[in-house]
Amino acid sequence: MDMRGRRRLRPREDPHRLTSPSTWGVRPTLQQEHQEVPRETIALFAIGTAHSGKEEWAQGLPEKFPRLRIRVTDAEQEDRWNQEAMAAAGNCDALLSTTGRHLDLQQLASSARHLYGLGVTDLSIQYFPARPLWDLIGLDRERRCAVGAAELKRQILAIQPEEAYWEALEREWAAVRKRGMARKVAAGSGPEALRQRSSFPPDPAAIPE
């Protein structure tokens, strides 16, 4: 599934072209200078309801791209999610979050602030549009751990347009820059730059041996 939401890009202070999928996995284009983050980490929020396909998408990436160090978290408790994010920052290439908590824009913003504080500045959205309720209920009945029709309905009502999630990340990024929390950031960092890339993960040919 290709990421959407790149229809408009705000002017950047230091434009850096990252339009080609072949730039994924090439470390010099994303190099960060945070001492507390020895390894660059990209964080992707998979936004979607239960049974939207986000879990299968995230779980299949490590096997498909074994040369990338990928961690997946579905922690619903904020404290646990923050702990897993802290463990991943600087120790993997990508952190994929599939938790349903991030359907809520305030929860997403809180997690973004946490990641920015850890020095992770490349945040992105992988959006999974909501399916009809009856389709989700049918899928839910086939699962060993069903979430129930009421919860599925709540999630469908909670999910926002993709643009709203991008804007939440960008607001937090602007606030971080204003507070001076990200003084040493390479050109091309931040959610605005991630909009320019066509998809995750990178072209396998671009991943270093």
N, C-alpha and C. Protein backbone atom coordinates (compact mmCIF):
# COMPACT_ATOMS: atom_id res chain seq x y z
N MET A 1 0.84 -1.20 0.00
CA MET A 1 0.00 0.00 0.00
C MET A 1 0.88 1.24 0.00
N ASP A 2 0.67 2.14 -0.92
CA ASP A 2 1.44 3.36 -1.00
C ASP A 2 0.92 4.37 0.01
N MET A 3 1.82 5.15 0.56
CA MET A 3 1.40 6.21 1.46
C MET A 3 0.84 7.36 0.64
N ARG A 4 -0.18 7.97 1.16
CA ARG A 4 -0.80 9.10 0.48
C ARG A 4 -0.51 10.36 1.26
N GLY A 5 -1.27 11.43 0.94
CA GLY A 5 -1.18 12.63 1.73
C GLY A 5 -0.02 13.53 1.36
N ARG A 6 0.58 13.38 0.19
CA ARG A 6 1.71 14.23 -0.18
C ARG A 6 1.26 15.29 -1.19
N ARG A 7 0.00 15.68 -1.13
CA ARG A 7 -0.52 16.59 -2.14
C ARG A 7 0.10 17.97 -2.02
N ARG A 8 0.38 18.39 -0.80
CA ARG A 8 0.96 19.71 -0.63
C ARG A 8 2.09 19.62 0.37
N LEU A 9 3.10 20.40 0.14
CA LEU A 9 4.26 20.42 1.02
C LEU A 9 4.51 21.86 1.43
N ARG A 10 4.68 22.09 2.70
CA ARG A 10 4.99 23.43 3.18
C ARG A 10 6.45 23.75 2.86
N PRO A 11 6.77 25.03 2.65
CA PRO A 11 8.16 25.39 2.37
C PRO A 11 9.05 24.98 3.53
N ARG A 12 10.21 24.45 3.21
CA ARG A 12 11.15 24.03 4.23
C ARG A 12 12.26 25.05 4.36
N GLU A 13 12.85 25.12 5.56
CA GLU A 13 13.94 26.05 5.80
C GLU A 13 15.15 25.67 4.95
N ASP A 14 15.39 24.38 4.79
CA ASP A 14 16.55 23.90 4.06
C ASP A 14 16.10 22.76 3.15
N PRO A 15 15.56 23.07 1.98
CA PRO A 15 14.99 22.02 1.13
C PRO A 15 16.03 20.96 0.80
N HIS A 16 15.57 19.73 0.79
CA HIS A 16 16.46 18.61 0.47
C HIS A 16 15.64 17.59 -0.29
N ARG A 17 15.99 17.33 -1.50
CA ARG A 17 15.17 16.48 -2.35
C ARG A 17 15.27 15.03 -1.92
N LEU A 18 14.11 14.46 -1.58
CA LEU A 18 14.04 13.05 -1.21
C LEU A 18 12.84 12.43 -1.90
N THR A 19 12.76 12.59 -3.20
CA THR A 19 11.55 12.19 -3.92
C THR A 19 11.61 10.78 -4.44
N SER A 20 12.79 10.19 -4.51
CA SER A 20 12.91 8.88 -5.12
C SER A 20 12.92 7.78 -4.08
N PRO A 21 12.18 6.69 -4.30
CA PRO A 21 12.22 5.57 -3.36
C PRO A 21 13.62 5.01 -3.20
N SER A 22 14.49 5.22 -4.18
CA SER A 22 15.84 4.67 -4.09
C SER A 22 16.65 5.33 -3.01
N THR A 23 16.19 6.49 -2.47
CA THR A 23 16.94 7.14 -1.41
C THR A 23 16.72 6.46 -0.07
N TRP A 24 15.68 5.62 0.05
CA TRP A 24 15.45 4.91 1.30
C TRP A 24 16.61 3.94 1.55
N GLY A 25 17.07 3.93 2.77
CA GLY A 25 18.11 3.00 3.16
C GLY A 25 19.51 3.53 2.88
N VAL A 26 19.63 4.70 2.23
CA VAL A 26 20.94 5.28 1.98
C VAL A 26 21.22 6.24 3.13
N ARG A 27 22.08 5.85 4.02
CA ARG A 27 22.26 6.56 5.28
C ARG A 27 22.67 8.02 5.14
N PRO A 28 23.56 8.42 4.23
CA PRO A 28 23.97 9.81 4.19
C PRO A 28 22.83 10.79 3.99
N THR A 29 21.74 10.41 3.30
CA THR A 29 20.66 11.34 3.06
C THR A 29 19.81 11.58 4.29
N LEU A 30 19.93 10.71 5.32
CA LEU A 30 19.12 10.84 6.51
C LEU A 30 19.96 10.99 7.77
N GLN A 31 21.25 11.24 7.61
CA GLN A 31 22.15 11.22 8.77
C GLN A 31 21.73 12.27 9.78
N GLN A 32 21.63 11.86 11.06
CA GLN A 32 21.30 12.75 12.15
C GLN A 32 22.50 12.86 13.07
N GLU A 33 22.59 13.98 13.79
CA GLU A 33 23.76 14.24 14.60
C GLU A 33 23.48 14.15 16.08
N HIS A 34 22.35 13.58 16.47
CA HIS A 34 22.03 13.44 17.89
C HIS A 34 23.00 12.47 18.54
N GLN A 35 23.68 12.90 19.59
CA GLN A 35 24.60 12.00 20.27
C GLN A 35 23.86 10.87 20.96
N GLU A 36 22.60 11.16 21.40
CA GLU A 36 21.86 10.13 22.11
C GLU A 36 21.24 9.10 21.17
N VAL A 37 21.32 9.34 19.87
CA VAL A 37 20.78 8.39 18.91
C VAL A 37 21.89 7.98 17.95
N PRO A 38 22.64 6.93 18.26
CA PRO A 38 23.77 6.55 17.42
C PRO A 38 23.35 5.98 16.07
N ARG A 39 22.10 5.56 15.94
CA ARG A 39 21.62 4.97 14.69
C ARG A 39 20.31 5.66 14.32
N GLU A 40 20.20 6.04 13.06
CA GLU A 40 18.98 6.72 12.63
C GLU A 40 17.80 5.75 12.67
N THR A 41 16.68 6.24 13.11
CA THR A 41 15.47 5.44 13.20
C THR A 41 14.31 6.22 12.59
N ILE A 42 13.57 5.56 11.73
CA ILE A 42 12.35 6.13 11.16
C ILE A 42 11.16 5.52 11.88
N ALA A 43 10.21 6.33 12.26
CA ALA A 43 9.01 5.83 12.93
C ALA A 43 7.81 5.98 12.00
N LEU A 44 7.07 4.90 11.84
CA LEU A 44 5.88 4.91 11.00
C LEU A 44 4.67 4.52 11.84
N PHE A 45 3.66 5.35 11.77
CA PHE A 45 2.41 5.08 12.47
C PHE A 45 1.43 4.48 11.47
N ALA A 46 1.06 3.23 11.68
CA ALA A 46 0.04 2.59 10.84
C ALA A 46 -1.33 2.97 11.40
N ILE A 47 -2.04 3.80 10.68
CA ILE A 47 -3.32 4.33 11.14
C ILE A 47 -4.44 3.56 10.46
N GLY A 48 -5.25 2.90 11.27
CA GLY A 48 -6.37 2.15 10.71
C GLY A 48 -7.12 1.43 11.82
N THR A 49 -8.30 0.97 11.52
CA THR A 49 -9.08 0.21 12.49
C THR A 49 -8.52 -1.21 12.60
N ALA A 50 -9.05 -1.96 13.53
CA ALA A 50 -8.74 -3.39 13.58
C ALA A 50 -9.18 -4.03 12.27
N HIS A 51 -8.41 -5.02 11.80
CA HIS A 51 -8.70 -5.77 10.57
C HIS A 51 -8.64 -4.89 9.31
N SER A 52 -7.93 -3.79 9.41
CA SER A 52 -7.77 -2.92 8.24
C SER A 52 -6.64 -3.38 7.34
N GLY A 53 -5.84 -4.31 7.83
CA GLY A 53 -4.67 -4.77 7.08
C GLY A 53 -3.37 -4.24 7.63
N LYS A 54 -3.44 -3.34 8.61
CA LYS A 54 -2.22 -2.72 9.12
C LYS A 54 -1.33 -3.72 9.86
N GLU A 55 -1.95 -4.65 10.61
CA GLU A 55 -1.15 -5.62 11.35
C GLU A 55 -0.38 -6.53 10.40
N GLU A 56 -1.07 -7.03 9.37
CA GLU A 56 -0.42 -7.92 8.42
C GLU A 56 0.70 -7.18 7.66
N TRP A 57 0.43 -5.92 7.33
CA TRP A 57 1.44 -5.11 6.64
C TRP A 57 2.70 -4.99 7.48
N ALA A 58 2.52 -4.64 8.75
CA ALA A 58 3.68 -4.44 9.62
C ALA A 58 4.41 -5.74 9.93
N GLN A 59 3.67 -6.79 10.18
CA GLN A 59 4.29 -8.06 10.54
C GLN A 59 5.05 -8.69 9.38
N GLY A 60 4.64 -8.40 8.16
CA GLY A 60 5.30 -9.00 7.01
C GLY A 60 6.59 -8.32 6.59
N LEU A 61 6.82 -7.09 7.03
CA LEU A 61 7.99 -6.36 6.57
C LEU A 61 9.32 -6.93 7.06
N PRO A 62 9.46 -7.31 8.33
CA PRO A 62 10.76 -7.84 8.76
C PRO A 62 11.20 -9.07 7.97
N GLU A 63 10.27 -9.94 7.65
CA GLU A 63 10.62 -11.14 6.88
C GLU A 63 10.92 -10.79 5.43
N LYS A 64 10.20 -9.82 4.90
CA LYS A 64 10.39 -9.44 3.51
C LYS A 64 11.69 -8.67 3.30
N PHE A 65 12.09 -7.91 4.32
CA PHE A 65 13.30 -7.10 4.22
C PHE A 65 14.22 -7.40 5.40
N PRO A 66 14.85 -8.56 5.40
CA PRO A 66 15.64 -9.00 6.55
C PRO A 66 16.87 -8.14 6.82
N ARG A 67 17.32 -7.38 5.83
CA ARG A 67 18.50 -6.54 6.06
C ARG A 67 18.17 -5.25 6.80
N LEU A 68 16.88 -4.95 6.94
CA LEU A 68 16.47 -3.81 7.75
C LEU A 68 16.13 -4.28 9.16
N ARG A 69 16.59 -3.54 10.12
CA ARG A 69 16.23 -3.83 11.51
C ARG A 69 14.92 -3.11 11.82
N ILE A 70 13.85 -3.88 11.92
CA ILE A 70 12.51 -3.32 12.09
C ILE A 70 11.90 -3.85 13.38
N ARG A 71 11.31 -2.95 14.14
CA ARG A 71 10.58 -3.35 15.34
C ARG A 71 9.13 -2.92 15.19
N VAL A 72 8.24 -3.79 15.66
CA VAL A 72 6.80 -3.52 15.58
C VAL A 72 6.25 -3.47 17.00
N THR A 73 5.46 -2.45 17.28
CA THR A 73 4.81 -2.36 18.58
C THR A 73 3.31 -2.14 18.39
N ASP A 74 2.52 -2.87 19.19
CA ASP A 74 1.07 -2.66 19.20
C ASP A 74 0.60 -2.32 20.61
N ALA A 75 1.52 -1.82 21.44
CA ALA A 75 1.20 -1.52 22.84
C ALA A 75 0.09 -0.47 22.92
N GLU A 76 -0.96 -0.78 23.66
CA GLU A 76 -2.08 0.14 23.81
C GLU A 76 -1.91 1.07 25.00
N GLN A 77 -1.11 0.66 25.98
CA GLN A 77 -0.85 1.51 27.14
C GLN A 77 0.26 2.50 26.82
N GLU A 78 0.03 3.77 27.14
CA GLU A 78 0.99 4.81 26.78
C GLU A 78 2.37 4.56 27.39
N ASP A 79 2.42 4.19 28.66
CA ASP A 79 3.71 3.97 29.31
C ASP A 79 4.50 2.86 28.63
N ARG A 80 3.80 1.77 28.32
CA ARG A 80 4.48 0.66 27.66
C ARG A 80 4.94 1.06 26.26
N TRP A 81 4.09 1.79 25.53
CA TRP A 81 4.46 2.23 24.19
C TRP A 81 5.70 3.11 24.25
N ASN A 82 5.74 4.02 25.22
CA ASN A 82 6.89 4.91 25.36
C ASN A 82 8.16 4.11 25.67
N GLN A 83 8.03 3.09 26.48
CA GLN A 83 9.19 2.26 26.80
C GLN A 83 9.70 1.53 25.58
N GLU A 84 8.79 0.99 24.78
CA GLU A 84 9.21 0.28 23.58
C GLU A 84 9.82 1.23 22.55
N ALA A 85 9.28 2.44 22.48
CA ALA A 85 9.85 3.44 21.57
C ALA A 85 11.25 3.83 22.01
N MET A 86 11.44 3.98 23.32
CA MET A 86 12.76 4.32 23.84
C MET A 86 13.78 3.23 23.53
N ALA A 87 13.35 1.98 23.64
CA ALA A 87 14.26 0.86 23.36
C ALA A 87 14.60 0.80 21.87
N ALA A 88 13.68 1.24 21.02
CA ALA A 88 13.90 1.16 19.57
C ALA A 88 14.73 2.31 19.04
N ALA A 89 14.60 3.49 19.64
CA ALA A 89 15.26 4.69 19.13
C ALA A 89 16.77 4.50 19.09
N GLY A 90 17.31 4.64 17.91
CA GLY A 90 18.75 4.52 17.73
C GLY A 90 19.25 3.10 17.63
N ASN A 91 18.37 2.11 17.78
CA ASN A 91 18.78 0.71 17.75
C ASN A 91 18.16 -0.07 16.60
N CYS A 92 17.38 0.59 15.75
CA CYS A 92 16.78 -0.10 14.62
C CYS A 92 16.58 0.90 13.49
N ASP A 93 16.32 0.37 12.30
CA ASP A 93 16.09 1.24 11.15
C ASP A 93 14.69 1.83 11.15
N ALA A 94 13.72 1.06 11.63
CA ALA A 94 12.34 1.53 11.60
C ALA A 94 11.56 0.98 12.78
N LEU A 95 10.74 1.84 13.36
CA LEU A 95 9.78 1.45 14.39
C LEU A 95 8.40 1.59 13.78
N LEU A 96 7.66 0.49 13.72
CA LEU A 96 6.31 0.49 13.16
C LEU A 96 5.31 0.37 14.30
N SER A 97 4.40 1.29 14.39
CA SER A 97 3.39 1.28 15.45
C SER A 97 2.02 0.99 14.85
N THR A 98 1.39 -0.07 15.36
CA THR A 98 0.06 -0.46 14.86
C THR A 98 -1.02 -0.28 15.90
N THR A 99 -0.70 0.34 17.02
CA THR A 99 -1.68 0.48 18.09
C THR A 99 -2.89 1.30 17.66
N GLY A 100 -4.06 0.86 18.09
CA GLY A 100 -5.29 1.59 17.79
C GLY A 100 -5.38 2.90 18.53
N ARG A 101 -4.53 3.09 19.52
CA ARG A 101 -4.54 4.33 20.31
C ARG A 101 -4.29 5.55 19.43
N HIS A 102 -3.55 5.36 18.35
CA HIS A 102 -3.19 6.50 17.52
C HIS A 102 -4.28 6.91 16.54
N LEU A 103 -5.45 6.27 16.59
CA LEU A 103 -6.59 6.81 15.87
C LEU A 103 -6.97 8.18 16.45
N ASP A 104 -6.67 8.36 17.74
CA ASP A 104 -6.94 9.62 18.43
C ASP A 104 -5.79 10.59 18.14
N LEU A 105 -6.11 11.76 17.62
CA LEU A 105 -5.08 12.72 17.23
C LEU A 105 -4.24 13.20 18.41
N GLN A 106 -4.85 13.34 19.57
CA GLN A 106 -4.09 13.77 20.74
C GLN A 106 -3.10 12.71 21.18
N GLN A 107 -3.50 11.45 21.09
CA GLN A 107 -2.59 10.36 21.44
C GLN A 107 -1.44 10.29 20.44
N LEU A 108 -1.75 10.49 19.18
CA LEU A 108 -0.71 10.51 18.16
C LEU A 108 0.28 11.64 18.42
N ALA A 109 -0.24 12.81 18.75
CA ALA A 109 0.64 13.96 19.02
C ALA A 109 1.52 13.69 20.23
N SER A 110 0.97 13.05 21.25
CA SER A 110 1.75 12.72 22.45
C SER A 110 2.89 11.78 22.11
N SER A 111 2.62 10.77 21.30
CA SER A 111 3.67 9.83 20.90
C SER A 111 4.72 10.51 20.02
N ALA A 112 4.28 11.41 19.17
CA ALA A 112 5.23 12.15 18.34
C ALA A 112 6.16 12.99 19.20
N ARG A 113 5.62 13.67 20.22
CA ARG A 113 6.46 14.45 21.12
C ARG A 113 7.49 13.57 21.80
N HIS A 114 7.06 12.39 22.21
CA HIS A 114 7.97 11.46 22.87
C HIS A 114 9.11 11.07 21.93
N LEU A 115 8.79 10.76 20.70
CA LEU A 115 9.82 10.36 19.74
C LEU A 115 10.76 11.52 19.41
N TYR A 116 10.20 12.70 19.23
CA TYR A 116 11.06 13.85 18.96
C TYR A 116 12.02 14.09 20.12
N GLY A 117 11.53 13.88 21.34
CA GLY A 117 12.39 14.04 22.50
C GLY A 117 13.51 13.02 22.55
N LEU A 118 13.29 11.87 21.93
CA LEU A 118 14.33 10.83 21.86
C LEU A 118 15.31 11.07 20.71
N GLY A 119 15.02 12.09 19.90
CA GLY A 119 15.88 12.37 18.76
C GLY A 119 15.44 11.71 17.47
N VAL A 120 14.30 11.05 17.48
CA VAL A 120 13.76 10.44 16.26
C VAL A 120 12.95 11.52 15.55
N THR A 121 13.44 11.97 14.41
CA THR A 121 12.81 13.11 13.74
C THR A 121 12.13 12.76 12.42
N ASP A 122 12.31 11.55 11.94
CA ASP A 122 11.63 11.11 10.72
C ASP A 122 10.40 10.30 11.09
N LEU A 123 9.25 10.96 11.10
CA LEU A 123 7.99 10.33 11.44
C LEU A 123 7.08 10.35 10.22
N SER A 124 6.33 9.28 10.04
CA SER A 124 5.49 9.19 8.86
C SER A 124 4.20 8.44 9.17
N ILE A 125 3.28 8.52 8.23
CA ILE A 125 1.96 7.89 8.36
C ILE A 125 1.79 6.85 7.26
N GLN A 126 1.33 5.68 7.63
CA GLN A 126 0.85 4.67 6.67
C GLN A 126 -0.64 4.51 6.95
N TYR A 127 -1.46 4.98 6.05
CA TYR A 127 -2.90 5.10 6.31
C TYR A 127 -3.68 3.94 5.68
N PHE A 128 -4.58 3.38 6.48
CA PHE A 128 -5.43 2.28 6.02
C PHE A 128 -6.89 2.73 6.15
N PRO A 129 -7.54 3.06 5.05
CA PRO A 129 -8.92 3.55 5.10
C PRO A 129 -9.85 2.54 5.77
N ALA A 130 -10.86 3.07 6.42
CA ALA A 130 -11.83 2.21 7.12
C ALA A 130 -12.66 1.41 6.12
N ARG A 131 -12.92 0.16 6.47
CA ARG A 131 -13.80 -0.68 5.68
C ARG A 131 -15.22 -0.59 6.25
N PRO A 132 -16.22 -1.02 5.51
CA PRO A 132 -17.58 -1.02 6.04
C PRO A 132 -17.68 -1.86 7.31
N LEU A 133 -18.53 -1.45 8.21
CA LEU A 133 -18.66 -2.12 9.50
C LEU A 133 -18.97 -3.60 9.34
N TRP A 134 -19.87 -3.95 8.43
CA TRP A 134 -20.26 -5.36 8.30
C TRP A 134 -19.09 -6.21 7.80
N ASP A 135 -18.25 -5.63 6.97
CA ASP A 135 -17.06 -6.36 6.52
C ASP A 135 -16.12 -6.63 7.70
N LEU A 136 -15.95 -5.61 8.54
CA LEU A 136 -15.06 -5.77 9.70
C LEU A 136 -15.62 -6.78 10.70
N ILE A 137 -16.93 -6.77 10.87
CA ILE A 137 -17.54 -7.73 11.79
C ILE A 137 -17.32 -9.15 11.28
N GLY A 138 -17.45 -9.34 9.98
CA GLY A 138 -17.20 -10.66 9.40
C GLY A 138 -15.77 -11.10 9.62
N LEU A 139 -14.82 -10.21 9.43
CA LEU A 139 -13.42 -10.54 9.66
C LEU A 139 -13.16 -10.80 11.14
N ASP A 140 -13.84 -10.03 11.98
CA ASP A 140 -13.64 -10.16 13.42
C ASP A 140 -14.09 -11.54 13.91
N ARG A 141 -15.15 -12.07 13.34
CA ARG A 141 -15.66 -13.37 13.76
C ARG A 141 -14.71 -14.51 13.42
N GLU A 142 -13.83 -14.26 12.47
CA GLU A 142 -12.87 -15.28 12.06
C GLU A 142 -11.61 -15.28 12.93
N ARG A 143 -11.47 -14.26 13.78
CA ARG A 143 -10.27 -14.13 14.60
C ARG A 143 -10.45 -14.78 15.96
N ARG A 144 -9.36 -15.35 16.45
CA ARG A 144 -9.39 -15.97 17.77
C ARG A 144 -9.61 -14.93 18.86
N CYS A 145 -8.99 -13.77 18.70
CA CYS A 145 -9.14 -12.68 19.68
C CYS A 145 -9.98 -11.57 19.04
N ALA A 146 -11.28 -11.73 19.03
CA ALA A 146 -12.17 -10.75 18.42
C ALA A 146 -12.27 -9.50 19.30
N VAL A 147 -12.43 -8.35 18.67
CA VAL A 147 -12.56 -7.12 19.43
C VAL A 147 -14.02 -6.76 19.68
N GLY A 148 -14.94 -7.31 18.88
CA GLY A 148 -16.36 -7.06 19.09
C GLY A 148 -16.90 -5.95 18.20
N ALA A 149 -18.18 -6.05 17.91
CA ALA A 149 -18.82 -5.09 17.00
C ALA A 149 -18.82 -3.68 17.57
N ALA A 150 -19.04 -3.56 18.89
CA ALA A 150 -19.09 -2.23 19.50
C ALA A 150 -17.75 -1.51 19.36
N GLU A 151 -16.66 -2.23 19.58
CA GLU A 151 -15.34 -1.61 19.47
C GLU A 151 -15.02 -1.26 18.02
N LEU A 152 -15.43 -2.12 17.10
CA LEU A 152 -15.21 -1.81 15.68
C LEU A 152 -15.96 -0.54 15.28
N LYS A 153 -17.20 -0.42 15.75
CA LYS A 153 -17.98 0.78 15.44
C LYS A 153 -17.31 2.02 16.03
N ARG A 154 -16.79 1.90 17.25
CA ARG A 154 -16.11 3.03 17.88
C ARG A 154 -14.89 3.46 17.06
N GLN A 155 -14.14 2.48 16.57
CA GLN A 155 -12.95 2.80 15.80
C GLN A 155 -13.30 3.46 14.47
N ILE A 156 -14.36 2.99 13.83
CA ILE A 156 -14.78 3.60 12.56
C ILE A 156 -15.18 5.05 12.78
N LEU A 157 -15.85 5.33 13.89
CA LEU A 157 -16.24 6.70 14.20
C LEU A 157 -15.04 7.55 14.59
N ALA A 158 -14.00 6.92 15.12
CA ALA A 158 -12.84 7.66 15.61
C ALA A 158 -11.85 8.02 14.52
N ILE A 159 -11.75 7.20 13.48
CA ILE A 159 -10.72 7.44 12.48
C ILE A 159 -11.00 8.73 11.71
N GLN A 160 -9.94 9.49 11.48
CA GLN A 160 -10.02 10.77 10.81
C GLN A 160 -9.44 10.66 9.39
N PRO A 161 -9.67 11.66 8.55
CA PRO A 161 -9.03 11.66 7.23
C PRO A 161 -7.50 11.62 7.38
N GLU A 162 -6.85 11.06 6.41
CA GLU A 162 -5.39 10.92 6.49
C GLU A 162 -4.69 12.25 6.73
N GLU A 163 -5.18 13.31 6.09
CA GLU A 163 -4.54 14.61 6.20
C GLU A 163 -4.47 15.08 7.66
N ALA A 164 -5.48 14.73 8.45
CA ALA A 164 -5.49 15.17 9.85
C ALA A 164 -4.33 14.58 10.63
N TYR A 165 -3.94 13.37 10.31
CA TYR A 165 -2.82 12.73 11.02
C TYR A 165 -1.49 13.34 10.60
N TRP A 166 -1.34 13.63 9.32
CA TRP A 166 -0.13 14.32 8.86
C TRP A 166 0.00 15.67 9.55
N GLU A 167 -1.11 16.39 9.62
CA GLU A 167 -1.07 17.72 10.22
C GLU A 167 -0.73 17.65 11.70
N ALA A 168 -1.19 16.61 12.38
CA ALA A 168 -0.85 16.46 13.80
C ALA A 168 0.65 16.29 13.98
N LEU A 169 1.27 15.48 13.12
CA LEU A 169 2.73 15.30 13.21
C LEU A 169 3.45 16.60 12.90
N GLU A 170 2.98 17.31 11.90
CA GLU A 170 3.66 18.54 11.49
C GLU A 170 3.51 19.64 12.55
N ARG A 171 2.37 19.70 13.24
CA ARG A 171 2.22 20.67 14.32
C ARG A 171 3.22 20.41 15.43
N GLU A 172 3.37 19.13 15.79
CA GLU A 172 4.32 18.80 16.84
C GLU A 172 5.75 19.09 16.40
N TRP A 173 6.04 18.82 15.13
CA TRP A 173 7.39 19.10 14.61
C TRP A 173 7.69 20.59 14.68
N ALA A 174 6.71 21.43 14.29
CA ALA A 174 6.90 22.87 14.35
C ALA A 174 7.12 23.33 15.78
N ALA A 175 6.38 22.73 16.73
CA ALA A 175 6.54 23.10 18.14
C ALA A 175 7.91 22.70 18.66
N VAL A 176 8.38 21.54 18.24
CA VAL A 176 9.71 21.08 18.66
C VAL A 176 10.79 22.02 18.15
N ARG A 177 10.69 22.40 16.88
CA ARG A 177 11.68 23.31 16.32
C ARG A 177 11.63 24.66 17.02
N LYS A 178 10.43 25.12 17.36
CA LYS A 178 10.28 26.42 18.02
C LYS A 178 10.90 26.40 19.41
N ARG A 179 10.77 25.27 20.10
CA ARG A 179 11.34 25.15 21.45
C ARG A 179 12.82 24.85 21.42
N GLY A 180 13.36 24.61 20.22
CA GLY A 180 14.78 24.34 20.12
C GLY A 180 15.18 22.97 20.59
N MET A 181 14.23 22.01 20.57
CA MET A 181 14.53 20.66 21.03
C MET A 181 15.24 19.84 19.96
N ALA A 182 15.23 20.32 18.72
CA ALA A 182 15.86 19.56 17.65
C ALA A 182 16.82 20.50 16.91
N ARG A 183 17.88 20.90 17.61
CA ARG A 183 18.81 21.89 17.06
C ARG A 183 19.67 21.31 15.95
N LYS A 184 20.02 20.02 16.06
CA LYS A 184 20.91 19.40 15.08
C LYS A 184 20.13 18.37 14.27
N VAL A 185 19.50 18.83 13.24
CA VAL A 185 18.68 17.95 12.41
C VAL A 185 19.10 18.10 10.96
N ALA A 186 19.36 16.99 10.31
CA ALA A 186 19.77 17.04 8.92
C ALA A 186 18.64 17.50 8.03
N ALA A 187 19.00 18.11 6.92
CA ALA A 187 17.98 18.48 5.94
C ALA A 187 17.24 17.24 5.49
N GLY A 188 15.93 17.38 5.34
CA GLY A 188 15.14 16.24 4.92
C GLY A 188 14.49 15.50 6.07
N SER A 189 14.68 15.98 7.31
CA SER A 189 14.06 15.33 8.45
C SER A 189 12.68 15.92 8.69
N GLY A 190 11.91 15.25 9.54
CA GLY A 190 10.58 15.73 9.87
C GLY A 190 9.51 15.12 8.99
N PRO A 191 8.25 15.22 9.41
CA PRO A 191 7.16 14.59 8.65
C PRO A 191 6.95 15.19 7.27
N GLU A 192 7.31 16.48 7.07
CA GLU A 192 7.11 17.07 5.75
C GLU A 192 7.95 16.34 4.71
N ALA A 193 9.20 16.01 5.10
CA ALA A 193 10.09 15.32 4.15
C ALA A 193 9.58 13.92 3.85
N LEU A 194 9.00 13.25 4.87
CA LEU A 194 8.53 11.88 4.66
C LEU A 194 7.37 11.85 3.67
N ARG A 195 6.64 12.94 3.53
CA ARG A 195 5.54 12.98 2.58
C ARG A 195 6.04 12.82 1.15
N GLN A 196 7.28 13.20 0.93
CA GLN A 196 7.80 13.18 -0.43
C GLN A 196 8.16 11.77 -0.89
N ARG A 197 8.27 10.84 0.03
CA ARG A 197 8.69 9.50 -0.35
C ARG A 197 7.47 8.67 -0.71
N SER A 198 7.62 7.84 -1.67
CA SER A 198 6.44 7.17 -2.23
C SER A 198 5.95 6.02 -1.39
N SER A 199 6.84 5.32 -0.66
CA SER A 199 6.39 4.18 0.11
C SER A 199 7.47 3.71 1.07
N PHE A 200 7.06 2.90 2.02
CA PHE A 200 7.99 2.20 2.89
C PHE A 200 7.63 0.72 2.81
N PRO A 201 8.60 -0.14 2.81
CA PRO A 201 10.03 0.06 2.99
C PRO A 201 10.72 0.43 1.68
N PRO A 202 12.05 0.66 1.72
CA PRO A 202 12.77 1.07 0.51
C PRO A 202 12.86 -0.03 -0.53
N ASP A 203 13.27 0.38 -1.69
CA ASP A 203 13.60 -0.55 -2.74
C ASP A 203 14.72 -1.46 -2.23
N PRO A 204 14.57 -2.77 -2.26
CA PRO A 204 15.61 -3.66 -1.73
C PRO A 204 16.98 -3.39 -2.33
N ALA A 205 17.02 -2.94 -3.58
CA ALA A 205 18.31 -2.68 -4.22
C ALA A 205 19.05 -1.52 -3.58
N ALA A 206 18.30 -0.65 -2.85
CA ALA A 206 18.92 0.51 -2.24
C ALA A 206 19.41 0.23 -0.84
N ILE A 207 19.11 -0.94 -0.28
CA ILE A 207 19.51 -1.24 1.08
C ILE A 207 20.96 -1.71 1.08
N PRO A 208 21.82 -1.09 1.88
CA PRO A 208 23.22 -1.50 1.88
C PRO A 208 23.39 -2.92 2.39
N GLU A 209 24.39 -3.59 1.86
CA GLU A 209 24.72 -4.94 2.34
C GLU A 209 25.28 -4.85 3.75
